[in-house]
């Protein structure tokens, strides 16, 4: 399985890491580590995420109020968003 990030999802990741790092030194790295753990879990068990639609799933990032929105197509996993769980639900749907 290969992971492919939508450019806006990649931007959300960088913004979120920066946000947490500005809150407390080292917190950005902790956030990034949790996202990386979640990505490894998705890669190992791609159908584990909560189904949102027929093709989209959400996997929660532990310790932080974020979820990775993704879809699985053959050997490819497309990451559409790193969404904050309490803001703008569904904003990522136009990214497909």
PDB file of N, CA and C in Angstrom:
ATOM      1  N   UNK A   1       0.837  -1.186   0.000  1.00  0.00           N
ATOM      2  CA  UNK A   1       0.000   0.000   0.000  1.00  0.00           C
ATOM      3  C   UNK A   1       0.881   1.249   0.000  1.00  0.00           C
ATOM      4  N   UNK A   2       0.513   2.189  -0.839  1.00  0.00           N
ATOM      5  CA  UNK A   2       1.220   3.470  -0.851  1.00  0.00           C
ATOM      6  C   UNK A   2       0.265   4.573  -0.417  1.00  0.00           C
ATOM      7  N   UNK A   3       0.803   5.532   0.316  1.00  0.00           N
ATOM      8  CA  UNK A   3       0.026   6.672   0.794  1.00  0.00           C
ATOM      9  C   UNK A   3       0.252   7.862  -0.127  1.00  0.00           C
ATOM     10  N   UNK A   4      -0.835   8.552  -0.461  1.00  0.00           N
ATOM     11  CA  UNK A   4      -0.761   9.762  -1.279  1.00  0.00           C
ATOM     12  C   UNK A   4      -1.561  10.853  -0.586  1.00  0.00           C
ATOM     13  N   UNK A   5      -0.898  11.961  -0.275  1.00  0.00           N
ATOM     14  CA  UNK A   5      -1.547  13.079   0.400  1.00  0.00           C
ATOM     15  C   UNK A   5      -2.070  14.086  -0.607  1.00  0.00           C
ATOM     16  N   UNK A   6      -3.314  14.498  -0.435  1.00  0.00           N
ATOM     17  CA  UNK A   6      -3.826  15.644  -1.175  1.00  0.00           C
ATOM     18  C   UNK A   6      -3.004  16.849  -0.716  1.00  0.00           C
ATOM     19  N   UNK A   7      -2.658  17.779  -1.610  1.00  0.00           N
ATOM     20  CA  UNK A   7      -1.845  18.933  -1.202  1.00  0.00           C
ATOM     21  C   UNK A   7      -2.439  19.715  -0.024  1.00  0.00           C
ATOM     22  N   UNK A   8      -3.744  19.840   0.033  1.00  0.00           N
ATOM     23  CA  UNK A   8      -4.363  20.573   1.139  1.00  0.00           C
ATOM     24  C   UNK A   8      -4.272  19.788   2.450  1.00  0.00           C
ATOM     25  N   UNK A   9      -4.302  18.477   2.372  1.00  0.00           N
ATOM     26  CA  UNK A   9      -4.130  17.657   3.576  1.00  0.00           C
ATOM     27  C   UNK A   9      -2.706  17.802   4.102  1.00  0.00           C
ATOM     28  N   UNK A  10      -1.754  17.848   3.191  1.00  0.00           N
ATOM     29  CA  UNK A  10      -0.361  18.056   3.589  1.00  0.00           C
ATOM     30  C   UNK A  10      -0.196  19.431   4.242  1.00  0.00           C
ATOM     31  N   UNK A  11      -0.857  20.429   3.683  1.00  0.00           N
ATOM     32  CA  UNK A  11      -0.820  21.783   4.257  1.00  0.00           C
ATOM     33  C   UNK A  11      -1.437  21.790   5.658  1.00  0.00           C
ATOM     34  N   UNK A  12      -2.540  21.080   5.834  1.00  0.00           N
ATOM     35  CA  UNK A  12      -3.177  20.994   7.153  1.00  0.00           C
ATOM     36  C   UNK A  12      -2.238  20.353   8.171  1.00  0.00           C
ATOM     37  N   UNK A  13      -1.505  19.354   7.737  1.00  0.00           N
ATOM     38  CA  UNK A  13      -0.551  18.698   8.630  1.00  0.00           C
ATOM     39  C   UNK A  13       0.513  19.688   9.092  1.00  0.00           C
ATOM     40  N   UNK A  14       1.099  20.419   8.151  1.00  0.00           N
ATOM     41  CA  UNK A  14       2.148  21.380   8.508  1.00  0.00           C
ATOM     42  C   UNK A  14       1.607  22.483   9.419  1.00  0.00           C
ATOM     43  N   UNK A  15       0.409  22.974   9.113  1.00  0.00           N
ATOM     44  CA  UNK A  15      -0.200  24.019   9.947  1.00  0.00           C
ATOM     45  C   UNK A  15      -0.463  23.518  11.362  1.00  0.00           C
ATOM     46  N   UNK A  16      -0.944  22.301  11.477  1.00  0.00           N
ATOM     47  CA  UNK A  16      -1.279  21.748  12.790  1.00  0.00           C
ATOM     48  C   UNK A  16      -0.029  21.496  13.622  1.00  0.00           C
ATOM     49  N   UNK A  17       1.021  20.992  12.989  1.00  0.00           N
ATOM     50  CA  UNK A  17       2.284  20.786  13.703  1.00  0.00           C
ATOM     51  C   UNK A  17       2.797  22.130  14.218  1.00  0.00           C
ATOM     52  N   UNK A  18       2.762  23.138  13.367  1.00  0.00           N
ATOM     53  CA  UNK A  18       3.224  24.474  13.764  1.00  0.00           C
ATOM     54  C   UNK A  18       2.376  25.039  14.906  1.00  0.00           C
ATOM     55  N   UNK A  19       1.061  24.853  14.815  1.00  0.00           N
ATOM     56  CA  UNK A  19       0.161  25.334  15.864  1.00  0.00           C
ATOM     57  C   UNK A  19       0.522  24.716  17.218  1.00  0.00           C
ATOM     58  N   UNK A  20       0.678  23.403  17.254  1.00  0.00           N
ATOM     59  CA  UNK A  20       0.989  22.731  18.514  1.00  0.00           C
ATOM     60  C   UNK A  20       2.387  23.080  19.012  1.00  0.00           C
ATOM     61  N   UNK A  21       3.322  23.259  18.107  1.00  0.00           N
ATOM     62  CA  UNK A  21       4.675  23.628  18.526  1.00  0.00           C
ATOM     63  C   UNK A  21       4.676  25.026  19.149  1.00  0.00           C
ATOM     64  N   UNK A  22       3.834  25.917  18.630  1.00  0.00           N
ATOM     65  CA  UNK A  22       3.728  27.263  19.199  1.00  0.00           C
ATOM     66  C   UNK A  22       3.040  27.253  20.561  1.00  0.00           C
ATOM     67  N   UNK A  23       2.196  26.271  20.802  1.00  0.00           N
ATOM     68  CA  UNK A  23       1.537  26.147  22.109  1.00  0.00           C
ATOM     69  C   UNK A  23       2.513  25.712  23.190  1.00  0.00           C
ATOM     70  N   UNK A  24       3.381  24.764  22.851  1.00  0.00           N
ATOM     71  CA  UNK A  24       4.363  24.260  23.817  1.00  0.00           C
ATOM     72  C   UNK A  24       5.498  23.577  23.058  1.00  0.00           C
ATOM     73  N   UNK A  25       6.711  23.865  23.465  1.00  0.00           N
ATOM     74  CA  UNK A  25       7.879  23.262  22.812  1.00  0.00           C
ATOM     75  C   UNK A  25       7.779  21.739  22.872  1.00  0.00           C
ATOM     76  N   UNK A  26       7.931  21.107  21.719  1.00  0.00           N
ATOM     77  CA  UNK A  26       7.886  19.648  21.640  1.00  0.00           C
ATOM     78  C   UNK A  26       6.510  19.079  21.358  1.00  0.00           C
ATOM     79  N   UNK A  27       5.460  19.883  21.550  1.00  0.00           N
ATOM     80  CA  UNK A  27       4.104  19.370  21.331  1.00  0.00           C
ATOM     81  C   UNK A  27       3.836  19.121  19.845  1.00  0.00           C
ATOM     82  N   UNK A  28       4.439  19.938  18.987  1.00  0.00           N
ATOM     83  CA  UNK A  28       4.301  19.714  17.549  1.00  0.00           C
ATOM     84  C   UNK A  28       4.873  18.370  17.138  1.00  0.00           C
ATOM     85  N   UNK A  29       6.020  18.018  17.711  1.00  0.00           N
ATOM     86  CA  UNK A  29       6.630  16.710  17.419  1.00  0.00           C
ATOM     87  C   UNK A  29       5.761  15.570  17.938  1.00  0.00           C
ATOM     88  N   UNK A  30       5.168  15.762  19.115  1.00  0.00           N
ATOM     89  CA  UNK A  30       4.278  14.734  19.662  1.00  0.00           C
ATOM     90  C   UNK A  30       3.066  14.538  18.753  1.00  0.00           C
ATOM     91  N   UNK A  31       2.512  15.643  18.261  1.00  0.00           N
ATOM     92  CA  UNK A  31       1.378  15.560  17.340  1.00  0.00           C
ATOM     93  C   UNK A  31       1.784  14.810  16.073  1.00  0.00           C
ATOM     94  N   UNK A  32       2.924  15.184  15.499  1.00  0.00           N
ATOM     95  CA  UNK A  32       3.402  14.526  14.284  1.00  0.00           C
ATOM     96  C   UNK A  32       3.621  13.035  14.520  1.00  0.00           C
ATOM     97  N   UNK A  33       4.169  12.660  15.665  1.00  0.00           N
ATOM     98  CA  UNK A  33       4.359  11.238  15.985  1.00  0.00           C
ATOM     99  C   UNK A  33       3.030  10.493  16.021  1.00  0.00           C
ATOM    100  N   UNK A  34       2.006  11.107  16.598  1.00  0.00           N
ATOM    101  CA  UNK A  34       0.686  10.459  16.653  1.00  0.00           C
ATOM    102  C   UNK A  34       0.080  10.326  15.261  1.00  0.00           C
ATOM    103  N   UNK A  35       0.258  11.344  14.416  1.00  0.00           N
ATOM    104  CA  UNK A  35      -0.234  11.257  13.034  1.00  0.00           C
ATOM    105  C   UNK A  35       0.492  10.130  12.303  1.00  0.00           C
ATOM    106  N   UNK A  36       1.799  10.040  12.483  1.00  0.00           N
ATOM    107  CA  UNK A  36       2.570   8.974  11.830  1.00  0.00           C
ATOM    108  C   UNK A  36       2.131   7.591  12.304  1.00  0.00           C
ATOM    109  N   UNK A  37       1.842   7.445  13.597  1.00  0.00           N
ATOM    110  CA  UNK A  37       1.317   6.165  14.109  1.00  0.00           C
ATOM    111  C   UNK A  37      -0.006   5.827  13.435  1.00  0.00           C
ATOM    112  N   UNK A  38      -0.853   6.836  13.288  1.00  0.00           N
ATOM    113  CA  UNK A  38      -2.160   6.625  12.655  1.00  0.00           C
ATOM    114  C   UNK A  38      -1.987   6.229  11.199  1.00  0.00           C
ATOM    115  N   UNK A  39      -1.055   6.864  10.506  1.00  0.00           N
ATOM    116  CA  UNK A  39      -0.790   6.517   9.107  1.00  0.00           C
ATOM    117  C   UNK A  39      -0.283   5.082   8.976  1.00  0.00           C
ATOM    118  N   UNK A  40       0.574   4.653   9.890  1.00  0.00           N
ATOM    119  CA  UNK A  40       1.051   3.254   9.862  1.00  0.00           C
ATOM    120  C   UNK A  40      -0.104   2.285  10.087  1.00  0.00           C
ATOM    121  N   UNK A  41      -0.998   2.644  10.989  1.00  0.00           N
ATOM    122  CA  UNK A  41      -2.166   1.807  11.258  1.00  0.00           C
ATOM    123  C   UNK A  41      -3.058   1.711  10.017  1.00  0.00           C
ATOM    124  N   UNK A  42      -3.282   2.845   9.359  1.00  0.00           N
ATOM    125  CA  UNK A  42      -4.089   2.859   8.129  1.00  0.00           C
ATOM    126  C   UNK A  42      -3.430   1.995   7.060  1.00  0.00           C
ATOM    127  N   UNK A  43      -2.120   2.120   6.933  1.00  0.00           N
ATOM    128  CA  UNK A  43      -1.401   1.353   5.913  1.00  0.00           C
ATOM    129  C   UNK A  43      -1.483  -0.149   6.184  1.00  0.00           C
ATOM    130  N   UNK A  44      -1.427  -0.537   7.452  1.00  0.00           N
ATOM    131  CA  UNK A  44      -1.479  -1.951   7.825  1.00  0.00           C
ATOM    132  C   UNK A  44      -2.897  -2.507   7.762  1.00  0.00           C
ATOM    133  N   UNK A  45      -3.866  -1.716   8.232  1.00  0.00           N
ATOM    134  CA  UNK A  45      -5.272  -2.135   8.276  1.00  0.00           C
ATOM    135  C   UNK A  45      -6.142  -1.072   7.607  1.00  0.00           C
ATOM    136  N   UNK A  46      -6.109  -0.980   6.283  1.00  0.00           N
ATOM    137  CA  UNK A  46      -6.779   0.125   5.593  1.00  0.00           C
ATOM    138  C   UNK A  46      -8.294   0.193   5.800  1.00  0.00           C
ATOM    139  N   UNK A  47      -8.936  -0.911   6.095  1.00  0.00           N
ATOM    140  CA  UNK A  47     -10.393  -0.890   6.274  1.00  0.00           C
ATOM    141  C   UNK A  47     -10.822  -0.708   7.724  1.00  0.00           C
ATOM    142  N   UNK A  48      -9.881  -0.415   8.606  1.00  0.00           N
ATOM    143  CA  UNK A  48     -10.178  -0.259  10.020  1.00  0.00           C
ATOM    144  C   UNK A  48     -10.904   1.048  10.335  1.00  0.00           C
ATOM    145  N   UNK A  49     -10.655   2.085   9.552  1.00  0.00           N
ATOM    146  CA  UNK A  49     -11.262   3.388   9.815  1.00  0.00           C
ATOM    147  C   UNK A  49     -12.780   3.357   9.727  1.00  0.00           C
ATOM    148  N   UNK A  50     -13.408   4.295  10.430  1.00  0.00           N
ATOM    149  CA  UNK A  50     -14.867   4.400  10.438  1.00  0.00           C
ATOM    150  C   UNK A  50     -15.356   4.819   9.055  1.00  0.00           C
ATOM    151  N   UNK A  51     -16.291   4.071   8.455  1.00  0.00           N
ATOM    152  CA  UNK A  51     -16.779   4.436   7.123  1.00  0.00           C
ATOM    153  C   UNK A  51     -17.655   5.691   7.174  1.00  0.00           C
ATOM    154  N   UNK A  52     -17.308   6.668   6.334  1.00  0.00           N
ATOM    155  CA  UNK A  52     -18.086   7.905   6.226  1.00  0.00           C
ATOM    156  C   UNK A  52     -19.020   7.860   5.026  1.00  0.00           C
ATOM    157  N   UNK A  53     -18.526   7.291   3.930  1.00  0.00           N
ATOM    158  CA  UNK A  53     -19.312   7.094   2.707  1.00  0.00           C
ATOM    159  C   UNK A  53     -18.944   5.707   2.185  1.00  0.00           C
ATOM    160  N   UNK A  54     -19.372   5.386   0.977  1.00  0.00           N
ATOM    161  CA  UNK A  54     -19.014   4.088   0.389  1.00  0.00           C
ATOM    162  C   UNK A  54     -17.508   3.929   0.224  1.00  0.00           C
ATOM    163  N   UNK A  55     -16.805   5.039  -0.009  1.00  0.00           N
ATOM    164  CA  UNK A  55     -15.366   4.929  -0.272  1.00  0.00           C
ATOM    165  C   UNK A  55     -14.480   5.653   0.738  1.00  0.00           C
ATOM    166  N   UNK A  56     -15.049   6.519   1.561  1.00  0.00           N
ATOM    167  CA  UNK A  56     -14.242   7.327   2.486  1.00  0.00           C
ATOM    168  C   UNK A  56     -14.305   6.792   3.909  1.00  0.00           C
ATOM    169  N   UNK A  57     -13.161   6.902   4.590  1.00  0.00           N
ATOM    170  CA  UNK A  57     -13.065   6.447   5.976  1.00  0.00           C
ATOM    171  C   UNK A  57     -12.373   7.512   6.818  1.00  0.00           C
ATOM    172  N   UNK A  58     -12.576   7.415   8.131  1.00  0.00           N
ATOM    173  CA  UNK A  58     -11.917   8.331   9.065  1.00  0.00           C
ATOM    174  C   UNK A  58     -11.245   7.520  10.161  1.00  0.00           C
ATOM    175  N   UNK A  59      -9.983   7.856  10.414  1.00  0.00           N
ATOM    176  CA  UNK A  59      -9.240   7.247  11.510  1.00  0.00           C
ATOM    177  C   UNK A  59      -8.839   8.370  12.457  1.00  0.00           C
ATOM    178  N   UNK A  60      -9.167   8.196  13.732  1.00  0.00           N
ATOM    179  CA  UNK A  60      -8.887   9.203  14.749  1.00  0.00           C
ATOM    180  C   UNK A  60      -7.400   9.184  15.113  1.00  0.00           C
ATOM    181  N   UNK A  61      -6.828  10.377  15.270  1.00  0.00           N
ATOM    182  CA  UNK A  61      -5.453  10.532  15.752  1.00  0.00           C
ATOM    183  C   UNK A  61      -5.522  10.532  17.279  1.00  0.00           C
ATOM    184  N   UNK A  62      -4.829   9.612  17.913  1.00  0.00           N
ATOM    185  CA  UNK A  62      -4.859   9.507  19.373  1.00  0.00           C
ATOM    186  C   UNK A  62      -4.273  10.759  20.026  1.00  0.00           C
ATOM    187  N   UNK A  63      -4.848  11.131  21.202  1.00  0.00           N
ATOM    188  CA  UNK A  63      -4.395  12.242  22.041  1.00  0.00           C
ATOM    189  C   UNK A  63      -4.711  13.627  21.491  1.00  0.00           C
ATOM    190  N   UNK A  64      -5.187  13.730  20.257  1.00  0.00           N
ATOM    191  CA  UNK A  64      -5.462  15.025  19.645  1.00  0.00           C
ATOM    192  C   UNK A  64      -6.825  14.964  18.955  1.00  0.00           C
ATOM    193  N   UNK A  65      -7.528  16.092  18.877  1.00  0.00           N
ATOM    194  CA  UNK A  65      -8.870  16.085  18.283  1.00  0.00           C
ATOM    195  C   UNK A  65      -8.844  16.172  16.754  1.00  0.00           C
ATOM    196  N   UNK A  66      -8.164  15.234  16.134  1.00  0.00           N
ATOM    197  CA  UNK A  66      -8.027  15.212  14.679  1.00  0.00           C
ATOM    198  C   UNK A  66      -8.345  13.828  14.142  1.00  0.00           C
ATOM    199  N   UNK A  67      -8.756  13.805  12.880  1.00  0.00           N
ATOM    200  CA  UNK A  67      -8.979  12.554  12.184  1.00  0.00           C
ATOM    201  C   UNK A  67      -8.403  12.637  10.784  1.00  0.00           C
ATOM    202  N   UNK A  68      -7.894  11.533  10.287  1.00  0.00           N
ATOM    203  CA  UNK A  68      -7.427  11.448   8.909  1.00  0.00           C
ATOM    204  C   UNK A  68      -8.565  10.900   8.057  1.00  0.00           C
ATOM    205  N   UNK A  69      -8.898  11.624   6.999  1.00  0.00           N
ATOM    206  CA  UNK A  69      -9.933  11.200   6.061  1.00  0.00           C
ATOM    207  C   UNK A  69      -9.227  10.599   4.854  1.00  0.00           C
ATOM    208  N   UNK A  70      -9.628   9.380   4.483  1.00  0.00           N
ATOM    209  CA  UNK A  70      -8.919   8.692   3.408  1.00  0.00           C
ATOM    210  C   UNK A  70      -9.848   7.750   2.655  1.00  0.00           C
ATOM    211  N   UNK A  71      -9.365   7.317   1.498  1.00  0.00           N
ATOM    212  CA  UNK A  71     -10.052   6.264   0.748  1.00  0.00           C
ATOM    213  C   UNK A  71      -9.007   5.268   0.259  1.00  0.00           C
ATOM    214  N   UNK A  72      -9.461   4.057   0.020  1.00  0.00           N
ATOM    215  CA  UNK A  72      -8.579   2.970  -0.414  1.00  0.00           C
ATOM    216  C   UNK A  72      -9.002   2.548  -1.816  1.00  0.00           C
ATOM    217  N   UNK A  73      -8.040   2.519  -2.726  1.00  0.00           N
ATOM    218  CA  UNK A  73      -8.277   2.072  -4.097  1.00  0.00           C
ATOM    219  C   UNK A  73      -7.142   1.117  -4.466  1.00  0.00           C
ATOM    220  N   UNK A  74      -7.436  -0.162  -4.557  1.00  0.00           N
ATOM    221  CA  UNK A  74      -6.419  -1.174  -4.867  1.00  0.00           C
ATOM    222  C   UNK A  74      -5.273  -1.085  -3.864  1.00  0.00           C
ATOM    223  N   UNK A  75      -4.056  -0.764  -4.331  1.00  0.00           N
ATOM    224  CA  UNK A  75      -2.894  -0.668  -3.440  1.00  0.00           C
ATOM    225  C   UNK A  75      -2.552   0.773  -3.085  1.00  0.00           C
ATOM    226  N   UNK A  76      -3.502   1.669  -3.228  1.00  0.00           N
ATOM    227  CA  UNK A  76      -3.270   3.097  -2.999  1.00  0.00           C
ATOM    228  C   UNK A  76      -4.226   3.613  -1.922  1.00  0.00           C
ATOM    229  N   UNK A  77      -3.677   4.402  -0.995  1.00  0.00           N
ATOM    230  CA  UNK A  77      -4.484   5.065   0.029  1.00  0.00           C
ATOM    231  C   UNK A  77      -4.346   6.564  -0.186  1.00  0.00           C
ATOM    232  N   UNK A  78      -5.458   7.218  -0.457  1.00  0.00           N
ATOM    233  CA  UNK A  78      -5.469   8.666  -0.659  1.00  0.00           C
ATOM    234  C   UNK A  78      -5.914   9.347   0.620  1.00  0.00           C
ATOM    235  N   UNK A  79      -5.062  10.224   1.150  1.00  0.00           N
ATOM    236  CA  UNK A  79      -5.382  11.008   2.339  1.00  0.00           C
ATOM    237  C   UNK A  79      -5.927  12.345   1.855  1.00  0.00           C
ATOM    238  N   UNK A  80      -7.204  12.613   2.150  1.00  0.00           N
ATOM    239  CA  UNK A  80      -7.852  13.838   1.680  1.00  0.00           C
ATOM    240  C   UNK A  80      -7.792  14.972   2.684  1.00  0.00           C
ATOM    241  N   UNK A  81      -7.743  14.652   3.969  1.00  0.00           N
ATOM    242  CA  UNK A  81      -7.780  15.714   4.973  1.00  0.00           C
ATOM    243  C   UNK A  81      -7.231  15.227   6.302  1.00  0.00           C
ATOM    244  N   UNK A  82      -6.663  16.164   7.022  1.00  0.00           N
ATOM    245  CA  UNK A  82      -6.363  15.995   8.437  1.00  0.00           C
ATOM    246  C   UNK A  82      -7.287  16.998   9.111  1.00  0.00           C
ATOM    247  N   UNK A  83      -8.459  16.521   9.493  1.00  0.00           N
ATOM    248  CA  UNK A  83      -9.501  17.447   9.945  1.00  0.00           C
ATOM    249  C   UNK A  83      -9.604  17.515  11.458  1.00  0.00           C
ATOM    250  N   UNK A  84      -9.816  18.731  11.939  1.00  0.00           N
ATOM    251  CA  UNK A  84     -10.123  18.928  13.353  1.00  0.00           C
ATOM    252  C   UNK A  84     -11.534  18.389  13.566  1.00  0.00           C
ATOM    253  N   UNK A  85     -11.737  17.602  14.585  1.00  0.00           N
ATOM    254  CA  UNK A  85     -13.014  16.909  14.781  1.00  0.00           C
ATOM    255  C   UNK A  85     -14.148  17.818  15.236  1.00  0.00           C
ATOM    256  N   UNK A  86     -13.827  19.045  15.649  1.00  0.00           N
ATOM    257  CA  UNK A  86     -14.871  19.941  16.151  1.00  0.00           C
ATOM    258  C   UNK A  86     -15.092  21.153  15.255  1.00  0.00           C
ATOM    259  N   UNK A  87     -14.578  21.102  14.041  1.00  0.00           N
ATOM    260  CA  UNK A  87     -14.709  22.237  13.124  1.00  0.00           C
ATOM    261  C   UNK A  87     -15.116  21.766  11.740  1.00  0.00           C
ATOM    262  N   UNK A  88     -15.973  22.473  11.104  1.00  0.00           N
ATOM    263  CA  UNK A  88     -16.357  22.330   9.696  1.00  0.00           C
ATOM    264  C   UNK A  88     -16.431  20.889   9.182  1.00  0.00           C
ATOM    265  N   UNK A  89     -17.348  20.092   9.668  1.00  0.00           N
ATOM    266  CA  UNK A  89     -17.446  18.714   9.162  1.00  0.00           C
ATOM    267  C   UNK A  89     -17.758  18.694   7.665  1.00  0.00           C
ATOM    268  N   UNK A  90     -17.120  17.808   6.957  1.00  0.00           N
ATOM    269  CA  UNK A  90     -17.404  17.612   5.541  1.00  0.00           C
ATOM    270  C   UNK A  90     -16.753  18.593   4.591  1.00  0.00           C
ATOM    271  N   UNK A  91     -15.955  19.541   5.086  1.00  0.00           N
ATOM    272  CA  UNK A  91     -15.337  20.546   4.214  1.00  0.00           C
ATOM    273  C   UNK A  91     -14.421  19.919   3.158  1.00  0.00           C
ATOM    274  N   UNK A  92     -13.934  18.741   3.410  1.00  0.00           N
ATOM    275  CA  UNK A  92     -12.955  18.066   2.559  1.00  0.00           C
ATOM    276  C   UNK A  92     -13.579  17.359   1.357  1.00  0.00           C
ATOM    277  N   UNK A  93     -14.898  17.253   1.305  1.00  0.00           N
ATOM    278  CA  UNK A  93     -15.557  16.424   0.280  1.00  0.00           C
ATOM    279  C   UNK A  93     -15.260  16.853  -1.149  1.00  0.00           C
ATOM    280  N   UNK A  94     -14.946  18.108  -1.371  1.00  0.00           N
ATOM    281  CA  UNK A  94     -14.663  18.582  -2.736  1.00  0.00           C
ATOM    282  C   UNK A  94     -13.245  18.237  -3.193  1.00  0.00           C
ATOM    283  N   UNK A  95     -12.459  17.604  -2.373  1.00  0.00           N
ATOM    284  CA  UNK A  95     -11.059  17.316  -2.696  1.00  0.00           C
ATOM    285  C   UNK A  95     -10.856  16.058  -3.523  1.00  0.00           C
ATOM    286  N   UNK A  96     -11.879  15.352  -3.840  1.00  0.00           N
ATOM    287  CA  UNK A  96     -11.735  14.083  -4.556  1.00  0.00           C
ATOM    288  C   UNK A  96     -11.540  14.286  -6.029  1.00  0.00           C
TER     289      UNK A  96
END
